[in-house]
């Protein structure tokens, strides 16, 4: 799986562009989600996670 930025670079960009009030889950070793399909998200190692928060739409089709 090809990635544009490493986890370290992604965290640096997050710190630069997103305010401190938006906290990172698992701050000591955050999970970097690189893709999602239906109710599942996948990290940079291909590990699958069930999306229980449901605050982001993953379906590529627009919803009405």
PDB file of N, CA and C in Angstrom:
ATOM      1  N   UNK A   1       0.846  -1.177   0.000  1.00  0.00           N
ATOM      2  CA  UNK A   1       0.000   0.000   0.000  1.00  0.00           C
ATOM      3  C   UNK A   1       0.893   1.242   0.000  1.00  0.00           C
ATOM      4  N   UNK A   2       0.704   2.110  -0.956  1.00  0.00           N
ATOM      5  CA  UNK A   2       1.521   3.314  -1.093  1.00  0.00           C
ATOM      6  C   UNK A   2       0.939   4.436  -0.235  1.00  0.00           C
ATOM      7  N   UNK A   3       1.822   5.131   0.478  1.00  0.00           N
ATOM      8  CA  UNK A   3       1.396   6.247   1.308  1.00  0.00           C
ATOM      9  C   UNK A   3       2.150   7.498   0.900  1.00  0.00           C
ATOM     10  N   UNK A   4       1.484   8.620   0.962  1.00  0.00           N
ATOM     11  CA  UNK A   4       2.107   9.882   0.622  1.00  0.00           C
ATOM     12  C   UNK A   4       2.976  10.400   1.759  1.00  0.00           C
ATOM     13  N   UNK A   5       2.516  10.243   2.997  1.00  0.00           N
ATOM     14  CA  UNK A   5       3.244  10.743   4.161  1.00  0.00           C
ATOM     15  C   UNK A   5       3.404   9.642   5.200  1.00  0.00           C
ATOM     16  N   UNK A   6       4.542   9.661   5.896  1.00  0.00           N
ATOM     17  CA  UNK A   6       4.738   8.728   7.005  1.00  0.00           C
ATOM     18  C   UNK A   6       3.853   9.148   8.172  1.00  0.00           C
ATOM     19  N   UNK A   7       3.723   8.287   9.164  1.00  0.00           N
ATOM     20  CA  UNK A   7       2.931   8.627  10.348  1.00  0.00           C
ATOM     21  C   UNK A   7       3.511   9.866  11.028  1.00  0.00           C
ATOM     22  N   UNK A   8       4.827   9.938  11.137  1.00  0.00           N
ATOM     23  CA  UNK A   8       5.495  11.094  11.755  1.00  0.00           C
ATOM     24  C   UNK A   8       5.181  12.391  10.995  1.00  0.00           C
ATOM     25  N   UNK A   9       5.279  12.343   9.655  1.00  0.00           N
ATOM     26  CA  UNK A   9       4.964  13.518   8.839  1.00  0.00           C
ATOM     27  C   UNK A   9       3.499  13.925   8.990  1.00  0.00           C
ATOM     28  N   UNK A  10       2.615  12.935   9.020  1.00  0.00           N
ATOM     29  CA  UNK A  10       1.190  13.206   9.183  1.00  0.00           C
ATOM     30  C   UNK A  10       0.916  13.898  10.514  1.00  0.00           C
ATOM     31  N   UNK A  11       1.553  13.414  11.590  1.00  0.00           N
ATOM     32  CA  UNK A  11       1.377  14.046  12.903  1.00  0.00           C
ATOM     33  C   UNK A  11       1.912  15.471  12.903  1.00  0.00           C
ATOM     34  N   UNK A  12       3.025  15.706  12.205  1.00  0.00           N
ATOM     35  CA  UNK A  12       3.566  17.063  12.090  1.00  0.00           C
ATOM     36  C   UNK A  12       2.611  17.994  11.361  1.00  0.00           C
ATOM     37  N   UNK A  13       2.028  17.530  10.273  1.00  0.00           N
ATOM     38  CA  UNK A  13       1.050  18.334   9.531  1.00  0.00           C
ATOM     39  C   UNK A  13      -0.192  18.591  10.370  1.00  0.00           C
ATOM     40  N   UNK A  14      -0.612  17.585  11.114  1.00  0.00           N
ATOM     41  CA  UNK A  14      -1.777  17.747  11.994  1.00  0.00           C
ATOM     42  C   UNK A  14      -1.508  18.824  13.038  1.00  0.00           C
ATOM     43  N   UNK A  15      -0.339  18.765  13.650  1.00  0.00           N
ATOM     44  CA  UNK A  15       0.020  19.753  14.670  1.00  0.00           C
ATOM     45  C   UNK A  15       0.066  21.169  14.081  1.00  0.00           C
ATOM     46  N   UNK A  16       0.543  21.277  12.838  1.00  0.00           N
ATOM     47  CA  UNK A  16       0.665  22.578  12.170  1.00  0.00           C
ATOM     48  C   UNK A  16      -0.695  23.163  11.779  1.00  0.00           C
ATOM     49  N   UNK A  17      -1.618  22.308  11.325  1.00  0.00           N
ATOM     50  CA  UNK A  17      -2.849  22.801  10.713  1.00  0.00           C
ATOM     51  C   UNK A  17      -4.123  22.601  11.541  1.00  0.00           C
ATOM     52  N   UNK A  18      -4.079  21.796  12.586  1.00  0.00           N
ATOM     53  CA  UNK A  18      -5.275  21.536  13.392  1.00  0.00           C
ATOM     54  C   UNK A  18      -5.006  21.984  14.815  1.00  0.00           C
ATOM     55  N   UNK A  19      -5.931  22.710  15.377  1.00  0.00           N
ATOM     56  CA  UNK A  19      -5.772  23.261  16.719  1.00  0.00           C
ATOM     57  C   UNK A  19      -5.675  22.201  17.804  1.00  0.00           C
ATOM     58  N   UNK A  20      -5.117  22.576  18.963  1.00  0.00           N
ATOM     59  CA  UNK A  20      -4.909  21.620  20.057  1.00  0.00           C
ATOM     60  C   UNK A  20      -6.192  21.122  20.716  1.00  0.00           C
ATOM     61  N   UNK A  21      -7.319  21.784  20.462  1.00  0.00           N
ATOM     62  CA  UNK A  21      -8.571  21.328  21.070  1.00  0.00           C
ATOM     63  C   UNK A  21      -9.093  20.039  20.415  1.00  0.00           C
ATOM     64  N   UNK A  22      -8.604  19.735  19.224  1.00  0.00           N
ATOM     65  CA  UNK A  22      -8.985  18.494  18.530  1.00  0.00           C
ATOM     66  C   UNK A  22      -7.937  17.439  18.867  1.00  0.00           C
ATOM     67  N   UNK A  23      -8.226  16.630  19.857  1.00  0.00           N
ATOM     68  CA  UNK A  23      -7.259  15.665  20.399  1.00  0.00           C
ATOM     69  C   UNK A  23      -7.094  14.435  19.509  1.00  0.00           C
ATOM     70  N   UNK A  24      -5.904  13.841  19.573  1.00  0.00           N
ATOM     71  CA  UNK A  24      -5.595  12.599  18.876  1.00  0.00           C
ATOM     72  C   UNK A  24      -5.907  11.445  19.830  1.00  0.00           C
ATOM     73  N   UNK A  25      -6.653  10.447  19.356  1.00  0.00           N
ATOM     74  CA  UNK A  25      -6.870   9.252  20.156  1.00  0.00           C
ATOM     75  C   UNK A  25      -5.559   8.476  20.242  1.00  0.00           C
ATOM     76  N   UNK A  26      -5.309   7.844  21.352  1.00  0.00           N
ATOM     77  CA  UNK A  26      -4.107   7.040  21.553  1.00  0.00           C
ATOM     78  C   UNK A  26      -2.849   7.872  21.300  1.00  0.00           C
ATOM     79  N   UNK A  27      -2.729   9.000  21.984  1.00  0.00           N
ATOM     80  CA  UNK A  27      -1.664   9.976  21.736  1.00  0.00           C
ATOM     81  C   UNK A  27      -0.256   9.385  21.829  1.00  0.00           C
ATOM     82  N   UNK A  28      -0.039   8.380  22.667  1.00  0.00           N
ATOM     83  CA  UNK A  28       1.312   7.819  22.786  1.00  0.00           C
ATOM     84  C   UNK A  28       1.726   7.042  21.530  1.00  0.00           C
ATOM     85  N   UNK A  29       0.772   6.459  20.829  1.00  0.00           N
ATOM     86  CA  UNK A  29       1.042   5.741  19.581  1.00  0.00           C
ATOM     87  C   UNK A  29      -0.220   5.778  18.722  1.00  0.00           C
ATOM     88  N   UNK A  30      -0.498   6.930  18.082  1.00  0.00           N
ATOM     89  CA  UNK A  30      -1.746   7.071  17.327  1.00  0.00           C
ATOM     90  C   UNK A  30      -1.831   6.111  16.143  1.00  0.00           C
ATOM     91  N   UNK A  31      -3.047   5.745  15.825  1.00  0.00           N
ATOM     92  CA  UNK A  31      -3.319   4.890  14.666  1.00  0.00           C
ATOM     93  C   UNK A  31      -3.451   5.794  13.453  1.00  0.00           C
ATOM     94  N   UNK A  32      -2.761   5.458  12.374  1.00  0.00           N
ATOM     95  CA  UNK A  32      -2.901   6.217  11.130  1.00  0.00           C
ATOM     96  C   UNK A  32      -3.809   5.432  10.193  1.00  0.00           C
ATOM     97  N   UNK A  33      -5.020   5.933  10.036  1.00  0.00           N
ATOM     98  CA  UNK A  33      -5.982   5.309   9.124  1.00  0.00           C
ATOM     99  C   UNK A  33      -5.658   5.782   7.710  1.00  0.00           C
ATOM    100  N   UNK A  34      -5.476   4.832   6.798  1.00  0.00           N
ATOM    101  CA  UNK A  34      -5.112   5.181   5.428  1.00  0.00           C
ATOM    102  C   UNK A  34      -6.222   4.908   4.417  1.00  0.00           C
ATOM    103  N   UNK A  35      -7.204   4.107   4.821  1.00  0.00           N
ATOM    104  CA  UNK A  35      -8.345   3.875   3.926  1.00  0.00           C
ATOM    105  C   UNK A  35      -9.509   3.351   4.752  1.00  0.00           C
ATOM    106  N   UNK A  36     -10.679   3.390   4.136  1.00  0.00           N
ATOM    107  CA  UNK A  36     -11.888   2.890   4.790  1.00  0.00           C
ATOM    108  C   UNK A  36     -12.786   2.254   3.738  1.00  0.00           C
ATOM    109  N   UNK A  37     -13.528   1.269   4.180  1.00  0.00           N
ATOM    110  CA  UNK A  37     -14.498   0.605   3.310  1.00  0.00           C
ATOM    111  C   UNK A  37     -15.658   0.166   4.179  1.00  0.00           C
ATOM    112  N   UNK A  38     -16.827   0.676   3.837  1.00  0.00           N
ATOM    113  CA  UNK A  38     -18.037   0.410   4.611  1.00  0.00           C
ATOM    114  C   UNK A  38     -17.810   0.757   6.077  1.00  0.00           C
ATOM    115  N   UNK A  39     -18.014  -0.157   6.999  1.00  0.00           N
ATOM    116  CA  UNK A  39     -17.887   0.147   8.426  1.00  0.00           C
ATOM    117  C   UNK A  39     -16.471  -0.087   8.952  1.00  0.00           C
ATOM    118  N   UNK A  40     -15.528  -0.413   8.072  1.00  0.00           N
ATOM    119  CA  UNK A  40     -14.171  -0.723   8.514  1.00  0.00           C
ATOM    120  C   UNK A  40     -13.170   0.343   8.065  1.00  0.00           C
ATOM    121  N   UNK A  41     -12.166   0.546   8.900  1.00  0.00           N
ATOM    122  CA  UNK A  41     -11.043   1.422   8.581  1.00  0.00           C
ATOM    123  C   UNK A  41      -9.785   0.570   8.653  1.00  0.00           C
ATOM    124  N   UNK A  42      -8.746   0.971   7.912  1.00  0.00           N
ATOM    125  CA  UNK A  42      -7.516   0.202   7.851  1.00  0.00           C
ATOM    126  C   UNK A  42      -6.335   1.122   8.111  1.00  0.00           C
ATOM    127  N   UNK A  43      -5.390   0.638   8.935  1.00  0.00           N
ATOM    128  CA  UNK A  43      -4.216   1.452   9.233  1.00  0.00           C
ATOM    129  C   UNK A  43      -3.112   1.200   8.202  1.00  0.00           C
ATOM    130  N   UNK A  44      -1.964   1.831   8.413  1.00  0.00           N
ATOM    131  CA  UNK A  44      -0.857   1.741   7.457  1.00  0.00           C
ATOM    132  C   UNK A  44      -0.260   0.336   7.377  1.00  0.00           C
ATOM    133  N   UNK A  45      -0.572  -0.523   8.340  1.00  0.00           N
ATOM    134  CA  UNK A  45      -0.089  -1.906   8.323  1.00  0.00           C
ATOM    135  C   UNK A  45      -1.133  -2.886   7.808  1.00  0.00           C
ATOM    136  N   UNK A  46      -2.294  -2.378   7.391  1.00  0.00           N
ATOM    137  CA  UNK A  46      -3.361  -3.234   6.884  1.00  0.00           C
ATOM    138  C   UNK A  46      -4.274  -3.783   7.970  1.00  0.00           C
ATOM    139  N   UNK A  47      -4.045  -3.373   9.223  1.00  0.00           N
ATOM    140  CA  UNK A  47      -4.894  -3.834  10.339  1.00  0.00           C
ATOM    141  C   UNK A  47      -6.298  -3.237  10.190  1.00  0.00           C
ATOM    142  N   UNK A  48      -7.316  -4.049  10.391  1.00  0.00           N
ATOM    143  CA  UNK A  48      -8.715  -3.633  10.224  1.00  0.00           C
ATOM    144  C   UNK A  48      -9.309  -3.212  11.558  1.00  0.00           C
ATOM    145  N   UNK A  49     -10.060  -2.091  11.546  1.00  0.00           N
ATOM    146  CA  UNK A  49     -10.743  -1.578  12.736  1.00  0.00           C
ATOM    147  C   UNK A  49     -12.204  -1.332  12.393  1.00  0.00           C
ATOM    148  N   UNK A  50     -13.084  -1.608  13.329  1.00  0.00           N
ATOM    149  CA  UNK A  50     -14.496  -1.300  13.169  1.00  0.00           C
ATOM    150  C   UNK A  50     -14.713   0.156  13.557  1.00  0.00           C
ATOM    151  N   UNK A  51     -15.327   0.939  12.684  1.00  0.00           N
ATOM    152  CA  UNK A  51     -15.582   2.354  12.958  1.00  0.00           C
ATOM    153  C   UNK A  51     -16.795   2.481  13.864  1.00  0.00           C
ATOM    154  N   UNK A  52     -16.552   2.690  15.144  1.00  0.00           N
ATOM    155  CA  UNK A  52     -17.638   2.820  16.121  1.00  0.00           C
ATOM    156  C   UNK A  52     -18.018   4.271  16.385  1.00  0.00           C
ATOM    157  N   UNK A  53     -17.215   5.207  15.918  1.00  0.00           N
ATOM    158  CA  UNK A  53     -17.486   6.629  16.166  1.00  0.00           C
ATOM    159  C   UNK A  53     -18.498   7.163  15.160  1.00  0.00           C
ATOM    160  N   UNK A  54     -18.351   6.779  13.903  1.00  0.00           N
ATOM    161  CA  UNK A  54     -19.306   7.113  12.859  1.00  0.00           C
ATOM    162  C   UNK A  54     -19.527   8.617  12.693  1.00  0.00           C
ATOM    163  N   UNK A  55     -18.446   9.385  12.672  1.00  0.00           N
ATOM    164  CA  UNK A  55     -18.586  10.816  12.417  1.00  0.00           C
ATOM    165  C   UNK A  55     -18.043  11.211  11.048  1.00  0.00           C
ATOM    166  N   UNK A  56     -17.664  10.225  10.232  1.00  0.00           N
ATOM    167  CA  UNK A  56     -17.152  10.489   8.896  1.00  0.00           C
ATOM    168  C   UNK A  56     -17.829   9.519   7.929  1.00  0.00           C
ATOM    169  N   UNK A  57     -18.362  10.054   6.843  1.00  0.00           N
ATOM    170  CA  UNK A  57     -18.974   9.191   5.830  1.00  0.00           C
ATOM    171  C   UNK A  57     -17.870   8.569   4.977  1.00  0.00           C
ATOM    172  N   UNK A  58     -17.907   7.249   4.775  1.00  0.00           N
ATOM    173  CA  UNK A  58     -16.886   6.559   3.999  1.00  0.00           C
ATOM    174  C   UNK A  58     -17.367   6.176   2.606  1.00  0.00           C
ATOM    175  N   UNK A  59     -18.663   6.283   2.355  1.00  0.00           N
ATOM    176  CA  UNK A  59     -19.217   5.889   1.066  1.00  0.00           C
ATOM    177  C   UNK A  59     -18.856   6.941   0.024  1.00  0.00           C
ATOM    178  N   UNK A  60     -18.250   6.538  -1.113  1.00  0.00           N
ATOM    179  CA  UNK A  60     -17.863   7.516  -2.122  1.00  0.00           C
ATOM    180  C   UNK A  60     -19.048   8.182  -2.828  1.00  0.00           C
ATOM    181  N   UNK A  61     -20.245   7.576  -2.727  1.00  0.00           N
ATOM    182  CA  UNK A  61     -21.428   8.172  -3.356  1.00  0.00           C
ATOM    183  C   UNK A  61     -22.000   9.244  -2.441  1.00  0.00           C
ATOM    184  N   UNK A  62     -22.463  10.356  -3.009  1.00  0.00           N
ATOM    185  CA  UNK A  62     -23.060  11.401  -2.159  1.00  0.00           C
ATOM    186  C   UNK A  62     -24.326  10.912  -1.460  1.00  0.00           C
ATOM    187  N   UNK A  63     -24.536  11.379  -0.253  1.00  0.00           N
ATOM    188  CA  UNK A  63     -25.748  11.030   0.475  1.00  0.00           C
ATOM    189  C   UNK A  63     -26.708  12.215   0.453  1.00  0.00           C
ATOM    190  N   UNK A  64     -27.984  11.917   0.532  1.00  0.00           N
ATOM    191  CA  UNK A  64     -28.975  13.005   0.530  1.00  0.00           C
ATOM    192  C   UNK A  64     -29.773  12.993   1.797  1.00  0.00           C
TER     193      UNK A  64
END
